[in-house]
C-alpha cells in the first residue's frame, strides 16, 4: 500500500457535517455534492441510519456507523473521498520499493513564486 490515510476528521479540530437534507457525514468533503454519491453508495441500505430527521445525532454517533468509513483506512481500498482529500505518502519503512514506483509529489508554492516565473 503506497498511500496512507491521514484523517482530518480525527484531528483536534474535527467536525462532522450535516447536510440540508439531514444526512450526517464524517467531514464536509464527503458531504460535498461531487462526493456524496460515493458516500451514499458506500452506506447503501444503511443510509437512513445516518439521517438526523430519522434518528437523533446522539444515536447516530453512539451507533458507531460512521466508523465503517474509518475501517477502510487500513485496507488496500480506502474510501475514495478519504483517498482524494486525506491521503499522505507512506514513509519508506511503511512500504516496499515496488509501491514507490510511479508516485507523484506535490510542492506547494506561494503566489509570489508563481508570479515571478
N, C-alpha and C. Protein backbone atom coordinates (compact mmCIF):
# COMPACT_ATOMS: atom_id res chain seq x y z
N UNK A 1 0.86 -1.17 0.00
CA UNK A 1 0.00 0.00 0.00
C UNK A 1 0.90 1.23 0.00
N UNK A 2 0.86 2.03 -1.05
CA UNK A 2 1.76 3.17 -1.19
C UNK A 2 1.29 4.39 -0.39
N UNK A 3 0.02 4.56 -0.24
CA UNK A 3 -0.51 5.73 0.45
C UNK A 3 -1.23 5.32 1.72
N UNK A 4 -1.20 6.21 2.69
CA UNK A 4 -1.90 6.01 3.95
C UNK A 4 -2.91 7.14 4.10
N UNK A 5 -3.86 6.94 4.96
CA UNK A 5 -4.86 7.98 5.23
C UNK A 5 -4.42 8.76 6.46
N UNK A 6 -4.41 10.08 6.33
CA UNK A 6 -4.13 10.98 7.44
C UNK A 6 -5.45 11.71 7.71
N UNK A 7 -6.34 11.10 8.48
CA UNK A 7 -7.72 11.57 8.58
C UNK A 7 -7.87 12.92 9.27
N UNK A 8 -8.34 13.88 8.53
CA UNK A 8 -8.60 15.20 9.11
C UNK A 8 -9.81 15.16 10.02
N UNK A 9 -10.71 14.21 9.78
CA UNK A 9 -11.90 14.09 10.62
C UNK A 9 -11.57 13.58 12.02
N UNK A 10 -10.34 13.14 12.23
CA UNK A 10 -9.90 12.68 13.55
C UNK A 10 -8.93 13.65 14.20
N UNK A 11 -8.73 14.82 13.60
CA UNK A 11 -7.80 15.81 14.16
C UNK A 11 -8.45 16.53 15.34
N UNK A 12 -7.67 17.37 15.99
CA UNK A 12 -8.18 18.14 17.13
C UNK A 12 -9.32 19.08 16.73
N UNK A 13 -9.32 19.50 15.48
CA UNK A 13 -10.34 20.44 15.00
C UNK A 13 -11.46 19.72 14.24
N UNK A 14 -11.59 18.43 14.43
CA UNK A 14 -12.55 17.62 13.68
C UNK A 14 -13.99 18.07 13.94
N UNK A 15 -14.76 18.04 12.88
CA UNK A 15 -16.17 18.36 12.95
C UNK A 15 -16.92 17.43 12.03
N UNK A 16 -18.14 17.08 12.38
CA UNK A 16 -18.96 16.33 11.45
C UNK A 16 -19.71 17.33 10.59
N UNK A 17 -20.30 16.84 9.53
CA UNK A 17 -21.05 17.70 8.61
C UNK A 17 -22.46 17.13 8.50
N UNK A 18 -23.45 17.98 8.64
CA UNK A 18 -24.84 17.57 8.46
C UNK A 18 -25.40 18.35 7.28
N UNK A 19 -25.86 17.62 6.27
CA UNK A 19 -26.36 18.26 5.06
C UNK A 19 -27.76 18.83 5.29
N UNK A 20 -28.21 19.65 4.36
CA UNK A 20 -29.52 20.28 4.48
C UNK A 20 -30.64 19.24 4.52
N UNK A 21 -30.41 18.07 3.91
CA UNK A 21 -31.44 17.03 3.94
C UNK A 21 -31.27 16.08 5.13
N UNK A 22 -30.38 16.42 6.07
CA UNK A 22 -30.29 15.72 7.35
C UNK A 22 -29.28 14.59 7.43
N UNK A 23 -28.50 14.35 6.38
CA UNK A 23 -27.52 13.27 6.44
C UNK A 23 -26.25 13.71 7.16
N UNK A 24 -25.74 12.80 8.00
CA UNK A 24 -24.53 13.06 8.78
C UNK A 24 -23.34 12.47 8.03
N UNK A 25 -22.33 13.30 7.85
CA UNK A 25 -21.09 12.90 7.18
C UNK A 25 -19.93 13.11 8.15
N UNK A 26 -18.88 12.30 8.06
CA UNK A 26 -17.75 12.48 8.97
C UNK A 26 -16.95 13.74 8.67
N UNK A 27 -17.14 14.32 7.47
CA UNK A 27 -16.44 15.55 7.12
C UNK A 27 -17.20 16.27 6.02
N UNK A 28 -16.83 17.52 5.78
CA UNK A 28 -17.52 18.31 4.76
C UNK A 28 -17.20 17.84 3.35
N UNK A 29 -16.04 17.20 3.16
CA UNK A 29 -15.71 16.72 1.81
C UNK A 29 -16.68 15.64 1.36
N UNK A 30 -17.02 14.73 2.26
CA UNK A 30 -17.97 13.67 1.89
C UNK A 30 -19.36 14.23 1.65
N UNK A 31 -19.68 15.31 2.33
CA UNK A 31 -20.98 15.93 2.15
C UNK A 31 -21.05 16.89 0.99
N UNK A 32 -19.94 17.08 0.29
CA UNK A 32 -19.87 17.97 -0.86
C UNK A 32 -20.46 17.24 -2.07
N UNK A 33 -21.32 17.93 -2.83
CA UNK A 33 -22.09 17.31 -3.90
C UNK A 33 -21.31 16.36 -4.81
N UNK A 34 -20.13 16.67 -5.30
CA UNK A 34 -19.49 15.70 -6.19
C UNK A 34 -19.14 14.37 -5.50
N UNK A 35 -19.07 14.36 -4.17
CA UNK A 35 -18.62 13.17 -3.46
C UNK A 35 -19.72 12.46 -2.68
N UNK A 36 -20.91 13.04 -2.62
CA UNK A 36 -21.99 12.40 -1.86
C UNK A 36 -22.39 11.06 -2.44
N UNK A 37 -22.26 10.90 -3.75
CA UNK A 37 -22.66 9.62 -4.35
C UNK A 37 -21.75 8.48 -3.88
N UNK A 38 -20.43 8.76 -3.71
CA UNK A 38 -19.52 7.74 -3.16
C UNK A 38 -19.98 7.31 -1.77
N UNK A 39 -20.33 8.29 -0.97
CA UNK A 39 -20.74 8.04 0.41
C UNK A 39 -22.06 7.28 0.46
N UNK A 40 -23.02 7.74 -0.34
CA UNK A 40 -24.34 7.10 -0.35
C UNK A 40 -24.25 5.67 -0.89
N UNK A 41 -23.43 5.46 -1.90
CA UNK A 41 -23.23 4.10 -2.43
C UNK A 41 -22.56 3.21 -1.38
N UNK A 42 -21.63 3.79 -0.64
CA UNK A 42 -20.89 3.05 0.38
C UNK A 42 -21.84 2.54 1.48
N UNK A 43 -22.74 3.40 1.94
CA UNK A 43 -23.65 3.01 3.02
C UNK A 43 -24.91 2.33 2.50
N UNK A 44 -25.27 2.56 1.27
CA UNK A 44 -26.36 1.90 0.58
C UNK A 44 -27.60 1.73 1.47
N UNK A 45 -27.93 0.52 1.89
CA UNK A 45 -29.15 0.26 2.65
C UNK A 45 -29.12 0.82 4.07
N UNK A 46 -27.94 1.19 4.55
CA UNK A 46 -27.81 1.74 5.90
C UNK A 46 -27.89 3.27 5.93
N UNK A 47 -28.08 3.88 4.78
CA UNK A 47 -28.03 5.34 4.68
C UNK A 47 -29.03 6.03 5.61
N UNK A 48 -30.23 5.50 5.75
CA UNK A 48 -31.22 6.13 6.62
C UNK A 48 -30.79 6.15 8.08
N UNK A 49 -29.87 5.28 8.46
CA UNK A 49 -29.35 5.29 9.84
C UNK A 49 -28.50 6.53 10.09
N UNK A 50 -28.15 7.25 9.02
CA UNK A 50 -27.30 8.43 9.13
C UNK A 50 -28.08 9.73 8.95
N UNK A 51 -29.39 9.69 9.09
CA UNK A 51 -30.21 10.87 8.86
C UNK A 51 -30.80 11.38 10.17
N UNK A 52 -30.49 12.65 10.51
CA UNK A 52 -30.98 13.22 11.77
C UNK A 52 -32.48 13.51 11.75
N UNK A 53 -33.10 13.42 10.59
CA UNK A 53 -34.56 13.54 10.54
C UNK A 53 -35.23 12.23 10.95
N UNK A 54 -34.45 11.14 10.97
CA UNK A 54 -34.99 9.83 11.32
C UNK A 54 -34.46 9.30 12.65
N UNK A 55 -33.26 9.77 13.05
CA UNK A 55 -32.62 9.35 14.30
C UNK A 55 -31.90 10.54 14.89
N UNK A 56 -31.75 10.57 16.18
CA UNK A 56 -31.04 11.70 16.80
C UNK A 56 -29.55 11.61 16.49
N UNK A 57 -28.88 12.75 16.52
CA UNK A 57 -27.44 12.78 16.29
C UNK A 57 -26.72 11.93 17.34
N UNK A 58 -27.19 12.00 18.56
CA UNK A 58 -26.58 11.21 19.64
C UNK A 58 -26.65 9.72 19.30
N UNK A 59 -27.80 9.25 18.83
CA UNK A 59 -27.96 7.83 18.49
C UNK A 59 -27.06 7.46 17.31
N UNK A 60 -26.96 8.34 16.32
CA UNK A 60 -26.11 8.09 15.15
C UNK A 60 -24.65 7.94 15.59
N UNK A 61 -24.20 8.82 16.43
CA UNK A 61 -22.80 8.77 16.89
C UNK A 61 -22.57 7.55 17.79
N UNK A 62 -23.49 7.29 18.70
CA UNK A 62 -23.35 6.13 19.59
C UNK A 62 -23.42 4.80 18.83
N UNK A 63 -24.14 4.78 17.72
CA UNK A 63 -24.28 3.57 16.91
C UNK A 63 -22.96 3.20 16.23
N UNK A 64 -22.06 4.18 16.12
CA UNK A 64 -20.72 3.99 15.56
C UNK A 64 -20.74 3.61 14.08
N UNK A 65 -21.82 3.90 13.40
CA UNK A 65 -21.92 3.56 11.98
C UNK A 65 -20.92 4.35 11.13
N UNK A 66 -20.56 5.55 11.59
CA UNK A 66 -19.58 6.34 10.84
C UNK A 66 -18.21 5.66 10.82
N UNK A 67 -17.96 4.77 11.77
CA UNK A 67 -16.67 4.08 11.82
C UNK A 67 -16.49 3.09 10.68
N UNK A 68 -17.54 2.82 9.94
CA UNK A 68 -17.43 1.93 8.78
C UNK A 68 -16.47 2.54 7.74
N UNK A 69 -16.51 3.87 7.59
CA UNK A 69 -15.58 4.55 6.69
C UNK A 69 -14.16 4.41 7.24
N UNK A 70 -14.00 4.64 8.51
CA UNK A 70 -12.68 4.56 9.16
C UNK A 70 -12.05 3.17 8.98
N UNK A 71 -12.87 2.14 8.99
CA UNK A 71 -12.35 0.78 8.85
C UNK A 71 -11.67 0.57 7.49
N UNK A 72 -12.03 1.36 6.49
CA UNK A 72 -11.41 1.21 5.16
C UNK A 72 -10.00 1.75 5.11
N UNK A 73 -9.60 2.58 6.07
CA UNK A 73 -8.29 3.23 6.02
C UNK A 73 -7.14 2.24 6.12
N UNK A 74 -7.36 1.12 6.76
CA UNK A 74 -6.30 0.13 6.93
C UNK A 74 -6.35 -0.95 5.85
N UNK A 75 -7.12 -0.73 4.81
CA UNK A 75 -7.23 -1.71 3.73
C UNK A 75 -6.51 -1.18 2.49
N UNK A 76 -6.47 -2.00 1.47
CA UNK A 76 -5.90 -1.57 0.19
C UNK A 76 -6.90 -0.77 -0.63
N UNK A 77 -8.11 -0.59 -0.10
CA UNK A 77 -9.14 0.13 -0.81
C UNK A 77 -9.86 1.12 0.11
N UNK A 78 -9.15 2.17 0.57
CA UNK A 78 -9.80 3.16 1.44
C UNK A 78 -10.95 3.86 0.71
N UNK A 79 -11.84 4.43 1.48
CA UNK A 79 -12.97 5.16 0.89
C UNK A 79 -12.41 6.18 -0.11
N UNK A 80 -13.00 6.30 -1.31
CA UNK A 80 -12.46 7.18 -2.35
C UNK A 80 -12.33 8.65 -1.93
N UNK A 81 -13.27 9.15 -1.16
CA UNK A 81 -13.17 10.56 -0.73
C UNK A 81 -12.04 10.75 0.26
N UNK A 82 -11.80 9.78 1.12
CA UNK A 82 -10.67 9.85 2.05
C UNK A 82 -9.36 9.86 1.26
N UNK A 83 -9.28 9.03 0.26
CA UNK A 83 -8.07 8.99 -0.58
C UNK A 83 -7.87 10.31 -1.31
N UNK A 84 -8.94 10.91 -1.76
CA UNK A 84 -8.84 12.16 -2.51
C UNK A 84 -8.35 13.30 -1.64
N UNK A 85 -8.80 13.37 -0.39
CA UNK A 85 -8.52 14.55 0.43
C UNK A 85 -7.60 14.32 1.63
N UNK A 86 -7.41 13.09 2.05
CA UNK A 86 -6.66 12.85 3.28
C UNK A 86 -5.52 11.85 3.13
N UNK A 87 -5.11 11.57 1.92
CA UNK A 87 -4.02 10.61 1.79
C UNK A 87 -2.68 11.31 1.99
N UNK A 88 -1.72 10.54 2.43
CA UNK A 88 -0.35 11.02 2.55
C UNK A 88 0.55 9.91 2.03
N UNK A 89 1.70 10.27 1.59
CA UNK A 89 2.65 9.29 1.10
C UNK A 89 3.14 8.45 2.27
N UNK A 90 3.26 7.17 2.06
CA UNK A 90 3.78 6.29 3.09
C UNK A 90 5.26 6.57 3.31
N UNK A 91 5.71 6.42 4.53
CA UNK A 91 7.13 6.56 4.83
C UNK A 91 7.85 5.35 4.26
N UNK A 92 9.14 5.48 3.97
CA UNK A 92 9.88 4.36 3.38
C UNK A 92 9.75 3.05 4.15
N UNK A 93 9.68 3.11 5.46
CA UNK A 93 9.57 1.87 6.23
C UNK A 93 8.14 1.32 6.26
N UNK A 94 7.17 2.05 5.67
CA UNK A 94 5.79 1.61 5.64
C UNK A 94 5.42 0.91 4.33
N UNK A 95 6.32 0.87 3.39
CA UNK A 95 6.01 0.31 2.09
C UNK A 95 7.24 -0.35 1.49
N UNK A 96 7.06 -1.17 0.49
CA UNK A 96 8.22 -1.75 -0.17
C UNK A 96 8.56 -0.94 -1.41
N UNK A 97 9.70 -1.23 -2.03
CA UNK A 97 10.18 -0.42 -3.15
C UNK A 97 9.24 -0.49 -4.35
N UNK A 98 8.51 -1.60 -4.53
CA UNK A 98 7.58 -1.70 -5.66
C UNK A 98 6.45 -0.68 -5.53
N UNK A 99 6.03 -0.42 -4.30
CA UNK A 99 4.94 0.53 -4.09
C UNK A 99 5.35 1.95 -4.42
N UNK A 100 6.63 2.27 -4.36
CA UNK A 100 7.09 3.64 -4.56
C UNK A 100 7.14 4.03 -6.03
N UNK A 101 7.18 3.08 -6.92
CA UNK A 101 7.30 3.39 -8.34
C UNK A 101 6.05 4.11 -8.83
N UNK A 102 6.27 5.15 -9.61
CA UNK A 102 5.16 5.87 -10.22
C UNK A 102 4.42 6.83 -9.32
N UNK A 103 4.92 7.12 -8.13
CA UNK A 103 4.23 8.07 -7.27
C UNK A 103 4.57 9.49 -7.66
N UNK A 104 3.65 10.40 -7.42
CA UNK A 104 3.86 11.82 -7.74
C UNK A 104 4.07 12.61 -6.46
N UNK A 105 4.76 13.71 -6.56
CA UNK A 105 4.98 14.58 -5.42
C UNK A 105 4.40 15.96 -5.74
N UNK A 106 3.83 16.59 -4.75
CA UNK A 106 3.26 17.91 -4.93
C UNK A 106 4.07 18.88 -4.09
N UNK A 107 4.49 19.98 -4.70
CA UNK A 107 5.22 21.02 -3.97
C UNK A 107 4.31 22.23 -3.87
N UNK A 108 4.11 22.72 -2.68
CA UNK A 108 3.31 23.93 -2.50
C UNK A 108 4.19 25.14 -2.75
N UNK A 109 3.68 26.09 -3.53
CA UNK A 109 4.43 27.32 -3.78
C UNK A 109 3.54 28.50 -3.50
N UNK A 110 4.17 29.61 -3.18
CA UNK A 110 3.41 30.81 -2.86
C UNK A 110 3.02 31.54 -4.14
N UNK A 111 2.10 32.49 -4.02
CA UNK A 111 1.68 33.29 -5.17
C UNK A 111 2.84 34.09 -5.74
N UNK A 112 3.73 34.57 -4.86
CA UNK A 112 4.86 35.36 -5.35
C UNK A 112 5.79 34.50 -6.19
N UNK A 113 5.95 33.23 -5.84
CA UNK A 113 6.79 32.34 -6.65
C UNK A 113 6.17 32.12 -8.03
N UNK A 114 4.84 32.04 -8.08
CA UNK A 114 4.17 31.85 -9.36
C UNK A 114 4.31 33.08 -10.23
N UNK A 115 4.07 34.25 -9.67
CA UNK A 115 4.11 35.48 -10.46
C UNK A 115 5.52 35.87 -10.89
N UNK A 116 6.54 35.38 -10.19
CA UNK A 116 7.91 35.74 -10.55
C UNK A 116 8.43 34.86 -11.69
N UNK A 117 7.73 33.81 -12.06
CA UNK A 117 8.19 32.91 -13.14
C UNK A 117 7.64 33.29 -14.47
